[in-house]
Amino acid sequence: MKKYMFALLAMTTVLFSSVKADEVVPEKGLYAGVFAGANFLQVKEVNGIRSGLMFGFSLGHKFENTIRAECELSYRRNKKVATSLLSSEGSRQTFAVLGNVYYDFEVDSDYKPYIGAGAGFSHNRVVTDVKNGGIYVVSNKMAYQLMGGFNYKVSDKTYVAVEYKFMCPEKNTQHHSTSASIKRYF
């Protein structure tokens, strides 16, 4: 966990590196971002799943119109608690690599709403029966997600955002995530 937090801190430092005062960047071009937040997992007919965490990195390009395209690498983790004597504890982890496309609504404000969709690959790991050594189930599946949120312009090159993501990494499994993000244009 410490290595993930170090990576997040390093990426944030890069995003907020010094900028010349007279340098103005239009809202287009290459950008990098980091995001983190809460993950709420729904698995059909499974009880006792606690809210978890999610975080990730993105690298993208905003075109001269209102379209952005990016590649996202994300991680989600949730724990399951025993809800009866017959159930077991465990956890579910999802690593995902997704290609996303966003539509930024043109509004005359520093707040910019957007929607998006993505598709890609997910590596899912489920650990159950933790007290007795654990049973591991691993699956690699196609995944898709839908997103929506608001960007806020902090400076000419930097945006912060709040976002909701719905991701479906495998049948009968849905991730509902809320996160905050930082994007930096280059």
Protein backbone atom coordinates (compact mmCIF):
# COMPACT_ATOMS: atom_id res chain seq x y z
CA MET A 1 0.00 0.00 0.00
CA LYS A 2 2.89 2.35 0.79
CA LYS A 3 4.29 1.98 -2.72
CA TYR A 4 0.91 3.00 -4.21
CA MET A 5 0.73 6.07 -1.99
CA PHE A 6 4.32 6.98 -2.94
CA ALA A 7 3.44 6.65 -6.64
CA LEU A 8 0.37 8.87 -6.16
CA LEU A 9 2.48 11.48 -4.35
CA ALA A 10 5.17 11.39 -7.05
CA MET A 11 2.59 11.82 -9.83
CA THR A 12 0.97 14.76 -8.01
CA THR A 13 4.37 16.42 -7.65
CA VAL A 14 4.99 16.10 -11.39
CA LEU A 15 1.55 17.54 -12.16
CA PHE A 16 2.15 20.63 -10.01
CA SER A 17 5.67 21.39 -11.21
CA SER A 18 6.55 25.05 -11.77
CA VAL A 19 4.88 26.99 -14.58
CA LYS A 20 6.10 30.22 -16.16
CA ALA A 21 3.74 33.08 -15.34
CA ASP A 22 3.44 34.24 -18.96
CA GLU A 23 2.85 30.75 -20.35
CA VAL A 24 -0.73 30.22 -21.56
CA VAL A 25 -1.87 26.83 -22.75
CA PRO A 26 -5.11 26.39 -24.65
CA GLU A 27 -7.51 23.74 -23.41
CA LYS A 28 -6.24 21.11 -25.80
CA GLY A 29 -3.31 18.75 -26.11
CA LEU A 30 -1.67 16.12 -23.96
CA TYR A 31 -2.59 15.73 -20.28
CA ALA A 32 -1.86 13.43 -17.36
CA GLY A 33 -4.03 12.84 -14.34
CA VAL A 34 -4.38 11.01 -11.06
CA PHE A 35 -7.58 10.09 -9.27
CA ALA A 36 -8.63 8.46 -6.00
CA GLY A 37 -11.85 7.84 -4.16
CA ALA A 38 -14.37 5.40 -2.75
CA ASN A 39 -15.52 2.22 -4.45
CA PHE A 40 -18.88 0.55 -3.81
CA LEU A 41 -19.04 -3.01 -5.11
CA GLN A 42 -22.21 -4.89 -6.02
CA VAL A 43 -22.02 -8.61 -6.64
CA LYS A 44 -25.25 -10.47 -7.34
CA GLU A 45 -26.39 -12.56 -4.34
CA VAL A 46 -23.37 -11.66 -2.16
CA ASN A 47 -23.85 -9.82 1.15
CA GLY A 48 -21.39 -8.23 3.57
CA ILE A 49 -19.31 -6.26 1.04
CA ARG A 50 -17.83 -3.11 2.55
CA SER A 51 -17.08 0.09 0.70
CA GLY A 52 -13.53 0.16 -0.55
CA LEU A 53 -11.01 2.30 -2.34
CA MET A 54 -10.03 3.04 -5.90
CA PHE A 55 -7.22 5.00 -7.49
CA GLY A 56 -5.48 5.31 -10.80
CA PHE A 57 -3.59 7.26 -13.42
CA SER A 58 -4.58 8.53 -16.85
CA LEU A 59 -2.80 9.86 -19.90
CA GLY A 60 -4.87 11.52 -22.58
CA HIS A 61 -5.30 14.08 -25.31
CA LYS A 62 -7.95 16.77 -25.67
CA PHE A 63 -8.72 17.66 -29.26
CA GLU A 64 -9.61 21.15 -30.54
CA ASN A 65 -13.30 20.30 -30.21
CA THR A 66 -15.00 19.00 -27.05
CA ILE A 67 -13.65 15.43 -27.28
CA ARG A 68 -10.97 13.87 -25.05
CA ALA A 69 -9.44 10.40 -25.43
CA GLU A 70 -7.36 8.75 -22.72
CA CYS A 71 -5.82 5.56 -21.43
CA GLU A 72 -6.58 4.76 -17.79
CA LEU A 73 -4.88 2.37 -15.37
CA SER A 74 -6.94 1.80 -12.22
CA TYR A 75 -7.12 -0.33 -9.08
CA ARG A 76 -10.18 -1.11 -6.95
CA ARG A 77 -10.39 -3.10 -3.70
CA ASN A 78 -13.27 -4.10 -1.45
CA LYS A 79 -13.44 -6.39 1.60
CA LYS A 80 -16.19 -8.83 2.48
CA VAL A 81 -17.09 -9.56 6.09
CA ALA A 82 -18.69 -12.76 7.34
CA THR A 83 -22.43 -12.20 7.73
CA SER A 84 -23.21 -15.60 9.29
CA LEU A 85 -21.48 -18.73 10.58
CA LEU A 86 -21.62 -20.25 7.09
CA SER A 87 -20.21 -17.28 5.20
CA SER A 88 -16.55 -16.33 4.95
CA GLU A 89 -14.42 -13.21 4.90
CA GLY A 90 -12.55 -12.14 1.82
CA SER A 91 -11.69 -9.41 -0.63
CA ARG A 92 -12.02 -8.52 -4.30
CA GLN A 93 -9.41 -6.61 -6.27
CA THR A 94 -9.77 -5.33 -9.82
CA PHE A 95 -6.92 -3.97 -11.93
CA ALA A 96 -8.11 -2.38 -15.17
CA VAL A 97 -6.63 -0.86 -18.31
CA LEU A 98 -9.29 1.07 -20.21
CA GLY A 99 -9.49 3.35 -23.22
CA ASN A 100 -11.91 6.20 -22.47
CA VAL A 101 -13.60 8.83 -24.63
CA TYR A 102 -15.11 11.95 -23.04
CA TYR A 103 -17.41 14.70 -24.24
CA ASP A 104 -16.84 18.04 -22.47
CA PHE A 105 -19.89 20.31 -22.52
CA GLU A 106 -19.10 23.84 -23.67
CA VAL A 107 -20.25 26.21 -20.93
CA ASP A 108 -19.03 29.72 -20.18
CA SER A 109 -17.73 28.88 -16.72
CA ASP A 110 -14.70 27.45 -14.96
CA TYR A 111 -16.92 24.45 -14.09
CA LYS A 112 -17.06 22.07 -17.08
CA PRO A 113 -19.47 19.11 -16.98
CA TYR A 114 -18.56 15.99 -18.96
CA ILE A 115 -19.71 12.46 -19.74
CA GLY A 116 -17.73 9.51 -21.04
CA ALA A 117 -17.50 5.83 -21.84
CA GLY A 118 -14.65 3.37 -21.89
CA ALA A 119 -13.75 -0.22 -22.67
CA GLY A 120 -10.77 -2.42 -22.00
CA PHE A 121 -9.38 -5.26 -19.93
CA SER A 122 -9.75 -6.16 -16.23
CA HIS A 123 -7.81 -8.56 -14.03
CA ASN A 124 -10.07 -9.65 -11.16
CA ARG A 125 -8.85 -11.42 -8.02
CA VAL A 126 -11.21 -12.79 -5.39
CA VAL A 127 -9.91 -14.14 -2.07
CA THR A 128 -12.33 -16.02 0.18
CA ASP A 129 -12.08 -18.06 3.38
CA VAL A 130 -9.18 -15.96 4.66
CA LYS A 131 -9.09 -17.66 8.10
CA ASN A 132 -8.30 -21.07 6.59
CA GLY A 133 -5.49 -20.04 4.27
CA GLY A 134 -7.57 -18.50 1.49
CA ILE A 135 -9.08 -19.62 -1.77
CA TYR A 136 -8.01 -17.53 -4.76
CA VAL A 137 -10.05 -17.09 -7.92
CA VAL A 138 -8.51 -15.07 -10.75
CA SER A 139 -10.23 -14.02 -13.97
CA ASN A 140 -9.25 -11.84 -16.91
CA LYS A 141 -12.22 -10.25 -18.66
CA MET A 142 -13.27 -7.48 -20.97
CA ALA A 143 -14.64 -4.51 -19.02
CA TYR A 144 -16.60 -1.36 -19.77
CA GLN A 145 -17.40 1.80 -17.85
CA LEU A 146 -19.54 4.94 -17.99
CA MET A 147 -18.46 8.23 -16.39
CA GLY A 148 -19.77 11.66 -15.58
CA GLY A 149 -18.47 14.59 -13.61
CA PHE A 150 -17.37 18.21 -13.36
CA ASN A 151 -13.95 19.71 -14.10
CA TYR A 152 -12.95 22.92 -12.35
CA LYS A 153 -10.23 25.09 -13.85
CA VAL A 154 -7.63 25.86 -11.16
CA SER A 155 -5.09 27.44 -13.52
CA ASP A 156 -4.35 27.61 -17.26
CA LYS A 157 -2.94 24.07 -17.19
CA THR A 158 -4.56 22.41 -14.18
CA TYR A 159 -8.05 21.04 -13.54
CA VAL A 160 -9.51 19.30 -10.53
CA ALA A 161 -12.64 17.19 -10.90
CA VAL A 162 -15.25 15.17 -9.07
CA GLU A 163 -16.45 12.12 -10.95
CA TYR A 164 -18.76 9.11 -10.80
CA LYS A 165 -17.77 5.90 -12.60
CA PHE A 166 -19.87 2.80 -13.22
CA MET A 167 -17.63 -0.13 -14.20
CA CYS A 168 -18.63 -3.67 -15.09
CA PRO A 169 -15.54 -5.93 -15.06
CA GLU A 170 -17.40 -9.25 -15.28
CA LYS A 171 -20.92 -10.68 -15.28
CA ASN A 172 -22.97 -9.95 -12.13
CA THR A 173 -20.29 -7.55 -10.79
CA GLN A 174 -20.61 -3.76 -10.76
CA HIS A 175 -18.31 -1.09 -9.33
CA HIS A 176 -19.79 2.29 -8.42
CA SER A 177 -16.97 4.76 -7.74
CA THR A 178 -16.84 8.38 -6.69
CA SER A 179 -13.49 10.12 -6.95
CA ALA A 180 -11.56 13.35 -7.04
CA SER A 181 -8.94 13.90 -9.72
CA ILE A 182 -6.24 16.29 -10.86
CA LYS A 183 -5.43 16.77 -14.56
CA ARG A 184 -2.42 18.66 -15.85
CA TYR A 185 -2.04 19.76 -19.49
CA PHE A 186 1.41 19.94 -21.11
